C-alpha atoms as a PDB file:
ATOM      1  CA  MET A   1      10.442   5.153 -18.541  1.00  0.00           C
ATOM      2  CA  ASN A   2       7.591   2.900 -19.703  1.00  0.00           C
ATOM      3  CA  LYS A   3       4.784   2.757 -17.184  1.00  0.00           C
ATOM      4  CA  VAL A   4       3.252  -0.734 -17.010  1.00  0.00           C
ATOM      5  CA  TRP A   5       0.164  -1.029 -14.817  1.00  0.00           C
ATOM      6  CA  PHE A   6      -2.283  -3.862 -14.360  1.00  0.00           C
ATOM      7  CA  TRP A   7      -5.145  -1.982 -12.782  1.00  0.00           C
ATOM      8  CA  GLY A   8      -7.733  -4.118 -11.052  1.00  0.00           C
ATOM      9  CA  LEU A   9     -11.456  -3.996 -10.783  1.00  0.00           C
ATOM     10  CA  ALA A  10     -12.751  -0.480 -11.329  1.00  0.00           C
ATOM     11  CA  VAL A  11     -14.956   0.426  -8.390  1.00  0.00           C
ATOM     12  CA  GLY A  12     -16.514   3.858  -8.532  1.00  0.00           C
ATOM     13  CA  ALA A  13     -15.553   6.212  -5.760  1.00  0.00           C
ATOM     14  CA  MET A  14     -18.385   8.559  -6.679  1.00  0.00           C
ATOM     15  CA  VAL A  15     -21.990   8.070  -5.619  1.00  0.00           C
ATOM     16  CA  GLY A  16     -23.796   5.471  -7.678  1.00  0.00           C
ATOM     17  CA  CYS A  17     -20.759   4.309  -9.673  1.00  0.00           C
ATOM     18  CA  ASP A  18     -20.539   0.504  -9.584  1.00  0.00           C
ATOM     19  CA  SER A  19     -18.386  -0.243 -12.621  1.00  0.00           C
ATOM     20  CA  THR A  20     -16.661  -3.630 -12.680  1.00  0.00           C
ATOM     21  CA  SER A  21     -14.576  -3.033 -15.790  1.00  0.00           C
ATOM     22  CA  ASP A  22     -10.904  -4.005 -15.741  1.00  0.00           C
ATOM     23  CA  ALA A  23      -9.958  -1.027 -17.939  1.00  0.00           C
ATOM     24  CA  PRO A  24      -8.450   2.032 -16.217  1.00  0.00           C
ATOM     25  CA  GLU A  25     -11.286   4.386 -17.104  1.00  0.00           C
ATOM     26  CA  SER A  26     -11.141   6.785 -14.155  1.00  0.00           C
ATOM     27  CA  PRO A  27      -8.984   7.737 -11.143  1.00  0.00           C
ATOM     28  CA  SER A  28     -11.538   6.132  -8.821  1.00  0.00           C
ATOM     29  CA  GLN A  29     -10.182   2.654  -9.439  1.00  0.00           C
ATOM     30  CA  ASP A  30      -8.801   0.446  -6.735  1.00  0.00           C
ATOM     31  CA  PRO A  31      -5.021   0.291  -6.215  1.00  0.00           C
ATOM     32  CA  THR A  32      -3.495  -2.914  -7.542  1.00  0.00           C
ATOM     33  CA  ALA A  33      -0.019  -4.323  -7.870  1.00  0.00           C
ATOM     34  CA  GLN A  34       2.201  -3.566 -10.805  1.00  0.00           C
ATOM     35  CA  VAL A  35       3.729  -6.270 -12.967  1.00  0.00           C
ATOM     36  CA  ASP A  36       7.357  -7.070 -12.170  1.00  0.00           C
ATOM     37  CA  LYS A  37       9.921  -7.974 -14.776  1.00  0.00           C
ATOM     38  CA  THR A  38      10.694 -11.654 -15.050  1.00  0.00           C
ATOM     39  CA  PRO A  39      13.971 -12.803 -13.419  1.00  0.00           C
ATOM     40  CA  ALA A  40      15.426 -13.587 -16.833  1.00  0.00           C
ATOM     41  CA  GLU A  41      15.339  -9.869 -17.696  1.00  0.00           C
ATOM     42  CA  LEU A  42      17.268  -8.756 -14.617  1.00  0.00           C
ATOM     43  CA  VAL A  43      21.004  -8.240 -14.330  1.00  0.00           C
ATOM     44  CA  VAL A  44      21.577  -7.925 -10.585  1.00  0.00           C
ATOM     45  CA  ASP A  45      24.124  -5.355  -9.446  1.00  0.00           C
ATOM     46  CA  GLU A  46      26.777  -6.778  -7.105  1.00  0.00           C
ATOM     47  CA  ARG A  47      26.175  -3.941  -4.633  1.00  0.00           C
ATOM     48  CA  VAL A  48      22.536  -4.932  -4.413  1.00  0.00           C
ATOM     49  CA  LYS A  49      23.493  -8.576  -3.893  1.00  0.00           C
ATOM     50  CA  ARG A  50      25.625  -7.593  -0.916  1.00  0.00           C
ATOM     51  CA  LEU A  51      22.678  -5.651   0.496  1.00  0.00           C
ATOM     52  CA  VAL A  52      20.573  -8.825   0.615  1.00  0.00           C
ATOM     53  CA  ALA A  53      21.795 -10.922   3.539  1.00  0.00           C
ATOM     54  CA  SER A  54      22.226 -14.608   2.745  1.00  0.00           C
ATOM     55  CA  GLU A  55      20.698 -15.822   6.015  1.00  0.00           C
ATOM     56  CA  PHE A  56      17.205 -14.813   4.899  1.00  0.00           C
ATOM     57  CA  PRO A  57      15.172 -17.168   2.697  1.00  0.00           C
ATOM     58  CA  THR A  58      13.874 -16.155  -0.701  1.00  0.00           C
ATOM     59  CA  LEU A  59      10.204 -15.415  -0.034  1.00  0.00           C
ATOM     60  CA  THR A  60       7.494 -17.187  -2.018  1.00  0.00           C
ATOM     61  CA  ASN A  61       3.729 -17.503  -1.684  1.00  0.00           C
ATOM     62  CA  GLU A  62       4.332 -20.786   0.102  1.00  0.00           C
ATOM     63  CA  ASN A  63       6.808 -19.677   2.792  1.00  0.00           C
ATOM     64  CA  ALA A  64       6.290 -15.918   3.226  1.00  0.00           C
ATOM     65  CA  ALA A  65       3.488 -15.926   5.804  1.00  0.00           C
ATOM     66  CA  ASP A  66       5.170 -18.485   8.103  1.00  0.00           C
ATOM     67  CA  PHE A  67       8.547 -16.771   7.904  1.00  0.00           C
ATOM     68  CA  LEU A  68       7.093 -13.304   8.491  1.00  0.00           C
ATOM     69  CA  MET A  69       5.033 -14.461  11.486  1.00  0.00           C
ATOM     70  CA  VAL A  70       8.146 -15.842  13.169  1.00  0.00           C
ATOM     71  CA  TRP A  71      10.371 -12.898  12.190  1.00  0.00           C
ATOM     72  CA  GLY A  72       7.744 -10.329  13.175  1.00  0.00           C
ATOM     73  CA  SER A  73       7.340 -11.855  16.636  1.00  0.00           C
ATOM     74  CA  THR A  74      10.938 -10.840  17.399  1.00  0.00           C
ATOM     75  CA  VAL A  75      10.360  -7.162  16.531  1.00  0.00           C
ATOM     76  CA  GLU A  76       8.694  -4.815  19.005  1.00  0.00           C
ATOM     77  CA  GLU A  77       8.728  -1.656  16.852  1.00  0.00           C
ATOM     78  CA  ASP A  78       5.372  -0.592  15.403  1.00  0.00           C
ATOM     79  CA  LEU A  79       6.208   2.873  14.059  1.00  0.00           C
ATOM     80  CA  VAL A  80       7.785   3.582  10.675  1.00  0.00           C
ATOM     81  CA  VAL A  81       9.005   7.022   9.578  1.00  0.00           C
ATOM     82  CA  MET A  82       8.690   8.009   5.920  1.00  0.00           C
ATOM     83  CA  ASP A  83      11.008  10.820   4.814  1.00  0.00           C
ATOM     84  CA  THR A  84       9.686  12.747   1.786  1.00  0.00           C
ATOM     85  CA  LYS A  85      10.472  16.024   0.006  1.00  0.00           C
ATOM     86  CA  HIS A  86       7.621  17.647   1.923  1.00  0.00           C
ATOM     87  CA  GLY A  87       8.537  16.320   5.377  1.00  0.00           C
ATOM     88  CA  PHE A  88       8.022  13.269   7.582  1.00  0.00           C
ATOM     89  CA  ILE A  89       5.086  10.871   7.723  1.00  0.00           C
ATOM     90  CA  VAL A  90       4.851   8.546  10.743  1.00  0.00           C
ATOM     91  CA  VAL A  91       2.727   5.407  10.415  1.00  0.00           C
ATOM     92  CA  GLU A  92       1.651   3.015  13.134  1.00  0.00           C
ATOM     93  CA  LEU A  93       1.408  -0.682  12.197  1.00  0.00           C
ATOM     94  CA  PHE A  94      -1.318  -2.821  13.760  1.00  0.00           C
ATOM     95  CA  LYS A  95      -0.189  -5.818  15.806  1.00  0.00           C
ATOM     96  CA  ASP A  96      -3.479  -7.621  15.146  1.00  0.00           C
ATOM     97  CA  VAL A  97      -2.663  -7.715  11.414  1.00  0.00           C
ATOM     98  CA  PRO A  98       0.538  -9.698  12.020  1.00  0.00           C
ATOM     99  CA  VAL A  99       1.617 -10.859   8.554  1.00  0.00           C
ATOM    100  CA  HIS A 100       1.192  -7.463   6.896  1.00  0.00           C
ATOM    101  CA  ARG A 101       2.780  -5.677   9.865  1.00  0.00           C
ATOM    102  CA  ALA A 102       5.798  -7.993   9.775  1.00  0.00           C
ATOM    103  CA  ASN A 103       6.048  -7.747   5.996  1.00  0.00           C
ATOM    104  CA  PHE A 104       6.254  -3.952   6.037  1.00  0.00           C
ATOM    105  CA  LEU A 105       8.793  -3.897   8.881  1.00  0.00           C
ATOM    106  CA  TYR A 106      10.812  -6.579   7.113  1.00  0.00           C
ATOM    107  CA  LYS A 107      10.971  -4.636   3.852  1.00  0.00           C
ATOM    108  CA  VAL A 108      12.087  -1.554   5.790  1.00  0.00           C
ATOM    109  CA  HIS A 109      14.711  -3.681   7.583  1.00  0.00           C
ATOM    110  CA  ARG A 110      16.000  -5.011   4.268  1.00  0.00           C
ATOM    111  CA  ARG A 111      16.269  -1.421   2.962  1.00  0.00           C
ATOM    112  CA  TYR A 112      13.802  -2.043   0.146  1.00  0.00           C
ATOM    113  CA  PHE A 113      12.201   1.363   0.751  1.00  0.00           C
ATOM    114  CA  ASP A 114      15.547   3.186   0.842  1.00  0.00           C
ATOM    115  CA  PRO A 115      14.696   4.794  -1.449  1.00  0.00           C
ATOM    116  CA  ALA A 116      11.306   4.009  -2.918  1.00  0.00           C
ATOM    117  CA  GLU A 117       8.890   6.332  -4.673  1.00  0.00           C
ATOM    118  CA  PHE A 118       5.218   7.148  -4.843  1.00  0.00           C
ATOM    119  CA  THR A 119       4.193   6.192  -8.359  1.00  0.00           C
ATOM    120  CA  ARG A 120       0.450   6.886  -8.329  1.00  0.00           C
ATOM    121  CA  VAL A 121      -1.339   9.959  -7.017  1.00  0.00           C
ATOM    122  CA  VAL A 122      -5.124  10.314  -7.126  1.00  0.00           C
ATOM    123  CA  PRO A 123      -6.542  13.363  -5.303  1.00  0.00           C
ATOM    124  CA  ASP A 124      -9.263  12.568  -2.761  1.00  0.00           C
ATOM    125  CA  PHE A 125      -8.405   8.872  -3.036  1.00  0.00           C
ATOM    126  CA  VAL A 126      -4.862   7.538  -2.467  1.00  0.00           C
ATOM    127  CA  VAL A 127      -1.142   8.045  -2.830  1.00  0.00           C
ATOM    128  CA  GLN A 128       0.470   4.742  -3.796  1.00  0.00           C
ATOM    129  CA  GLY A 129       4.042   3.498  -4.017  1.00  0.00           C
ATOM    130  CA  GLY A 130       6.611   0.811  -3.367  1.00  0.00           C
ATOM    131  CA  ASN A 131       6.534  -1.046  -6.672  1.00  0.00           C
ATOM    132  CA  SER A 132       8.707   1.209  -8.804  1.00  0.00           C
ATOM    133  CA  GLU A 133      10.011   0.057 -12.184  1.00  0.00           C
ATOM    134  CA  GLU A 134      13.489   1.396 -11.424  1.00  0.00           C
ATOM    135  CA  GLU A 135      16.298  -1.147 -11.584  1.00  0.00           C
ATOM    136  CA  ARG A 136      17.267  -1.263  -7.900  1.00  0.00           C
ATOM    137  CA  PRO A 137      13.790  -2.120  -6.508  1.00  0.00           C
ATOM    138  CA  GLN A 138      13.255  -4.644  -9.300  1.00  0.00           C
ATOM    139  CA  GLN A 139      16.527  -6.336  -8.362  1.00  0.00           C
ATOM    140  CA  LEU A 140      15.580  -6.364  -4.694  1.00  0.00           C
ATOM    141  CA  ARG A 141      12.136  -7.822  -5.408  1.00  0.00           C
ATOM    142  CA  PHE A 142      13.854 -10.613  -7.298  1.00  0.00           C
ATOM    143  CA  LEU A 143      16.418 -11.248  -4.551  1.00  0.00           C
ATOM    144  CA  ILE A 144      14.162 -10.833  -1.503  1.00  0.00           C
ATOM    145  CA  GLY A 145      11.469 -12.843  -3.242  1.00  0.00           C
ATOM    146  CA  GLN A 146       8.435 -12.136  -5.402  1.00  0.00           C
ATOM    147  CA  HIS A 147       5.481 -13.135  -3.268  1.00  0.00           C
ATOM    148  CA  THR A 148       2.009 -12.172  -2.102  1.00  0.00           C
ATOM    149  CA  LEU A 149       0.423 -12.134   1.359  1.00  0.00           C
ATOM    150  CA  PRO A 150      -2.768 -13.779   2.645  1.00  0.00           C
ATOM    151  CA  ALA A 151      -5.595 -11.317   3.233  1.00  0.00           C
ATOM    152  CA  GLU A 152      -6.066 -10.225   6.855  1.00  0.00           C
ATOM    153  CA  PHE A 153      -9.370  -8.380   6.879  1.00  0.00           C
ATOM    154  CA  ASP A 154     -10.507  -6.884  10.170  1.00  0.00           C
ATOM    155  CA  GLY A 155     -13.727  -4.955  10.624  1.00  0.00           C
ATOM    156  CA  ASP A 156     -11.970  -2.616  13.046  1.00  0.00           C
ATOM    157  CA  HIS A 157      -9.468  -1.517  10.383  1.00  0.00           C
ATOM    158  CA  ILE A 158     -11.169   0.280   7.522  1.00  0.00           C
ATOM    159  CA  HIS A 159     -10.219   2.696   4.748  1.00  0.00           C
ATOM    160  CA  THR A 160     -10.766   5.957   6.576  1.00  0.00           C
ATOM    161  CA  ARG A 161      -8.496   8.913   5.865  1.00  0.00           C
ATOM    162  CA  GLY A 162      -4.879   8.063   6.771  1.00  0.00           C
ATOM    163  CA  ALA A 163      -5.285   4.285   6.488  1.00  0.00           C
ATOM    164  CA  LEU A 164      -2.218   2.343   5.318  1.00  0.00           C
ATOM    165  CA  ALA A 165      -2.987  -0.712   3.182  1.00  0.00           C
ATOM    166  CA  MET A 166      -1.465  -3.012   0.572  1.00  0.00           C
ATOM    167  CA  SER A 167      -2.346  -3.111  -3.100  1.00  0.00           C
ATOM    168  CA  ARG A 168      -3.316  -6.337  -4.824  1.00  0.00           C
ATOM    169  CA  SER A 169      -4.033  -7.816  -8.222  1.00  0.00           C
ATOM    170  CA  TYR A 170      -7.645  -8.375  -9.233  1.00  0.00           C
ATOM    171  CA  ASN A 171      -6.692 -10.959 -11.867  1.00  0.00           C
ATOM    172  CA  ASP A 172      -6.812 -14.642 -10.844  1.00  0.00           C
ATOM    173  CA  ASN A 173      -6.794 -13.691  -7.167  1.00  0.00           C
ATOM    174  CA  PRO A 174      -9.965 -15.084  -5.561  1.00  0.00           C
ATOM    175  CA  ASP A 175      -8.420 -14.998  -2.080  1.00  0.00           C
ATOM    176  CA  LYS A 176      -7.612 -11.280  -2.395  1.00  0.00           C
ATOM    177  CA  ARG A 177      -3.952 -11.816  -1.577  1.00  0.00           C
ATOM    178  CA  SER A 178      -1.930  -8.623  -1.137  1.00  0.00           C
ATOM    179  CA  SER A 179       1.148  -7.451  -2.947  1.00  0.00           C
ATOM    180  CA  GLY A 180       4.303  -7.962  -0.923  1.00  0.00           C
ATOM    181  CA  TYR A 181       5.696  -4.534  -1.839  1.00  0.00           C
ATOM    182  CA  ASP A 182       3.101  -2.075  -3.147  1.00  0.00           C
ATOM    183  CA  PHE A 183       1.324   0.021  -0.498  1.00  0.00           C
ATOM    184  CA  TYR A 184      -0.959   3.043  -0.391  1.00  0.00           C
ATOM    185  CA  ILE A 185      -2.165   5.704   2.015  1.00  0.00           C
ATOM    186  CA  VAL A 186      -5.801   6.815   1.836  1.00  0.00           C
ATOM    187  CA  THR A 187      -6.556  10.512   1.496  1.00  0.00           C
ATOM    188  CA  GLY A 188     -10.196   9.979   0.551  1.00  0.00           C
ATOM    189  CA  ARG A 189     -13.175  12.311   0.683  1.00  0.00           C
ATOM    190  CA  GLN A 190     -16.118  12.739   3.009  1.00  0.00           C
ATOM    191  CA  ILE A 191     -18.690   9.948   2.707  1.00  0.00           C
ATOM    192  CA  GLY A 192     -22.273  10.835   3.604  1.00  0.00           C
ATOM    193  CA  PRO A 193     -24.797   8.429   5.176  1.00  0.00           C
ATOM    194  CA  GLN A 194     -26.613   7.695   1.925  1.00  0.00           C
ATOM    195  CA  GLU A 195     -23.421   6.726   0.099  1.00  0.00           C
ATOM    196  CA  LEU A 196     -22.160   4.695   3.044  1.00  0.00           C
ATOM    197  CA  GLY A 197     -25.525   2.961   3.277  1.00  0.00           C
ATOM    198  CA  LYS A 198     -25.213   1.979  -0.374  1.00  0.00           C
ATOM    199  CA  VAL A 199     -21.727   0.558   0.281  1.00  0.00           C
ATOM    200  CA  GLN A 200     -23.151  -1.479   3.153  1.00  0.00           C
ATOM    201  CA  ARG A 201     -25.984  -2.845   1.036  1.00  0.00           C
ATOM    202  CA  ASP A 202     -23.834  -3.591  -1.998  1.00  0.00           C
ATOM    203  CA  ARG A 203     -20.939  -5.158  -0.099  1.00  0.00           C
ATOM    204  CA  GLY A 204     -22.697  -6.739   2.845  1.00  0.00           C
ATOM    205  CA  VAL A 205     -20.629  -4.873   5.412  1.00  0.00           C
ATOM    206  CA  THR A 206     -21.833  -3.166   8.564  1.00  0.00           C
ATOM    207  CA  TYR A 207     -20.207  -0.075  10.031  1.00  0.00           C
ATOM    208  CA  THR A 208     -20.441   1.022  13.624  1.00  0.00           C
ATOM    209  CA  THR A 209     -21.838   4.421  14.481  1.00  0.00           C
ATOM    210  CA  ALA A 210     -18.309   5.618  15.224  1.00  0.00           C
ATOM    211  CA  GLN A 211     -17.009   4.352  11.871  1.00  0.00           C
ATOM    212  CA  ALA A 212     -19.866   6.000   9.969  1.00  0.00           C
ATOM    213  CA  ARG A 213     -19.173   9.243  11.823  1.00  0.00           C
ATOM    214  CA  GLU A 214     -15.477   9.057  10.907  1.00  0.00           C
ATOM    215  CA  TYR A 215     -16.235   8.477   7.228  1.00  0.00           C
ATOM    216  CA  ALA A 216     -18.613  11.461   7.290  1.00  0.00           C
ATOM    217  CA  LYS A 217     -16.237  13.774   9.165  1.00  0.00           C
ATOM    218  CA  GLU A 218     -12.742  12.714   8.037  1.00  0.00           C
ATOM    219  CA  GLY A 219     -13.491  10.879   4.795  1.00  0.00           C
ATOM    220  CA  GLY A 220     -11.981   7.802   3.219  1.00  0.00           C
ATOM    221  CA  ALA A 221     -12.592   5.131   0.582  1.00  0.00           C
ATOM    222  CA  PRO A 222     -15.121   2.618   1.962  1.00  0.00           C
ATOM    223  CA  HIS A 223     -15.493   0.784  -1.353  1.00  0.00           C
ATOM    224  CA  LEU A 224     -12.026  -0.713  -0.639  1.00  0.00           C
ATOM    225  CA  ASP A 225     -13.148  -2.281   2.651  1.00  0.00           C
ATOM    226  CA  GLY A 226     -13.081  -6.059   2.393  1.00  0.00           C
ATOM    227  CA  GLU A 227     -11.050  -5.800  -0.811  1.00  0.00           C
ATOM    228  CA  HIS A 228      -7.637  -4.699   0.502  1.00  0.00           C
ATOM    229  CA  THR A 229      -5.973  -5.338   3.863  1.00  0.00           C
ATOM    230  CA  VAL A 230      -5.549  -2.272   6.085  1.00  0.00           C
ATOM    231  CA  PHE A 231      -2.588  -2.803   8.414  1.00  0.00           C
ATOM    232  CA  GLY A 232      -1.709   0.633   9.749  1.00  0.00           C
ATOM    233  CA  ARG A 233      -2.522   4.324   9.928  1.00  0.00           C
ATOM    234  CA  VAL A 234      -0.829   7.705   9.716  1.00  0.00           C
ATOM    235  CA  VAL A 235      -0.302   9.148  13.192  1.00  0.00           C
ATOM    236  CA  GLU A 236       1.736  12.179  12.137  1.00  0.00           C
ATOM    237  CA  GLY A 237       2.161  14.017   8.860  1.00  0.00           C
ATOM    238  CA  MET A 238      -1.192  13.845   7.046  1.00  0.00           C
ATOM    239  CA  ASP A 239      -0.430  17.378   5.880  1.00  0.00           C
ATOM    240  CA  VAL A 240       2.607  15.871   4.134  1.00  0.00           C
ATOM    241  CA  VAL A 241       0.422  13.184   2.547  1.00  0.00           C
ATOM    242  CA  ASP A 242      -1.911  15.923   1.301  1.00  0.00           C
ATOM    243  CA  LYS A 243       1.031  17.752  -0.291  1.00  0.00           C
ATOM    244  CA  LEU A 244       2.050  14.529  -2.052  1.00  0.00           C
ATOM    245  CA  ALA A 245      -1.558  14.077  -3.176  1.00  0.00           C
ATOM    246  CA  ALA A 246      -1.535  17.555  -4.721  1.00  0.00           C
ATOM    247  CA  THR A 247       1.354  16.690  -7.064  1.00  0.00           C
ATOM    248  CA  PRO A 248       0.427  17.160 -10.755  1.00  0.00           C
ATOM    249  CA  THR A 249       0.232  13.878 -12.684  1.00  0.00           C
ATOM    250  CA  ASP A 250      -0.055  12.602 -16.216  1.00  0.00           C
ATOM    251  CA  GLU A 251      -3.160  10.880 -17.579  1.00  0.00           C
ATOM    252  CA  SER A 252      -2.189   7.599 -15.866  1.00  0.00           C
ATOM    253  CA  ASP A 253      -1.928   9.227 -12.393  1.00  0.00           C
ATOM    254  CA  TRP A 254       1.894   9.043 -12.520  1.00  0.00           C
ATOM    255  CA  PRO A 255       3.449  12.075 -10.735  1.00  0.00           C
ATOM    256  CA  LEU A 256       5.154  14.505 -13.097  1.00  0.00           C
ATOM    257  CA  THR A 257       7.885  15.042 -10.488  1.00  0.00           C
ATOM    258  CA  ARG A 258       9.650  12.225  -8.661  1.00  0.00           C
ATOM    259  CA  LEU A 259       8.177  11.625  -5.191  1.00  0.00           C
ATOM    260  CA  GLU A 260      11.004   9.794  -3.447  1.00  0.00           C
ATOM    261  CA  VAL A 261      10.501   8.315   0.012  1.00  0.00           C
ATOM    262  CA  ARG A 262      12.959   6.736   2.432  1.00  0.00           C
ATOM    263  CA  MET A 263      11.847   4.705   5.422  1.00  0.00           C
ATOM    264  CA  ASP A 264      13.183   3.549   8.755  1.00  0.00           C
ATOM    265  CA  TRP A 265      11.822   2.190  11.996  1.00  0.00           C
ATOM    266  CA  ALA A 266      10.998   5.008  14.396  1.00  0.00           C
ATOM    267  CA  GLY A 267      13.652   3.767  16.808  1.00  0.00           C
ATOM    268  CA  ASP A 268      16.247   4.445  14.097  1.00  0.00           C
ATOM    269  CA  SER A 269      14.408   7.347  12.503  1.00  0.00           C
ATOM    270  CA  PHE A 270      15.797  10.189  10.448  1.00  0.00           C
ATOM    271  CA  ARG A 271      14.793  12.597  13.191  1.00  0.00           C
ATOM    272  CA  ASN A 272      17.243  11.147  15.763  1.00  0.00           C
END
């Protein structure tokens, strides 16, 4: 399988590394969306067509946010269960990040992540997935709609260990709009006061005492704050995330073994 990645702005995760190159020089780069095939290249399987209900609109940049806000207001569930080879991960979605919350629940509802796979693993940084090049997810992205989401930055939701956020492109994206499909979970590393102070100076952000303490104790990836929208957190199964993060990879951070994941709302979870 050819691996096509458009990595975004390279931001050093190590102390003193401020590279802004677009080339994928190190595993400390920010997660960004992959490039989808154009519709003309897709031959859509009839079984996949039947999976996509006709009453839903095809999502675009123009209609996605409005549709998701309305659809999300009808859904009370805020927990999603991820079933992996190493066990279950339970994530909580934040109600005060409404478009991203609704988007993730909607993709689970439409069975987009059934299955999906983690396609990028960077130890002490992130595990990333959702935008596989396999035929089924490409067909579903075409049928559900290829779209991005408006950024929903919130100073209360930062990239500490266990944060759930969406990838984005760094090319021609001044509004920092998120991918509609590609997500990541932060594993991160401990961030000391000097490094966090540098992030604050360089990026013009201010952390509370509690947030600084969490970065120092639990770790994370603060250089992604204000660059990617955090919309949830792991509430159970970080040991499973760590096992995924320990998977051997090739030179492009692609896991050498398939890391399949299936998702459902907690109310309909695999554990019931």
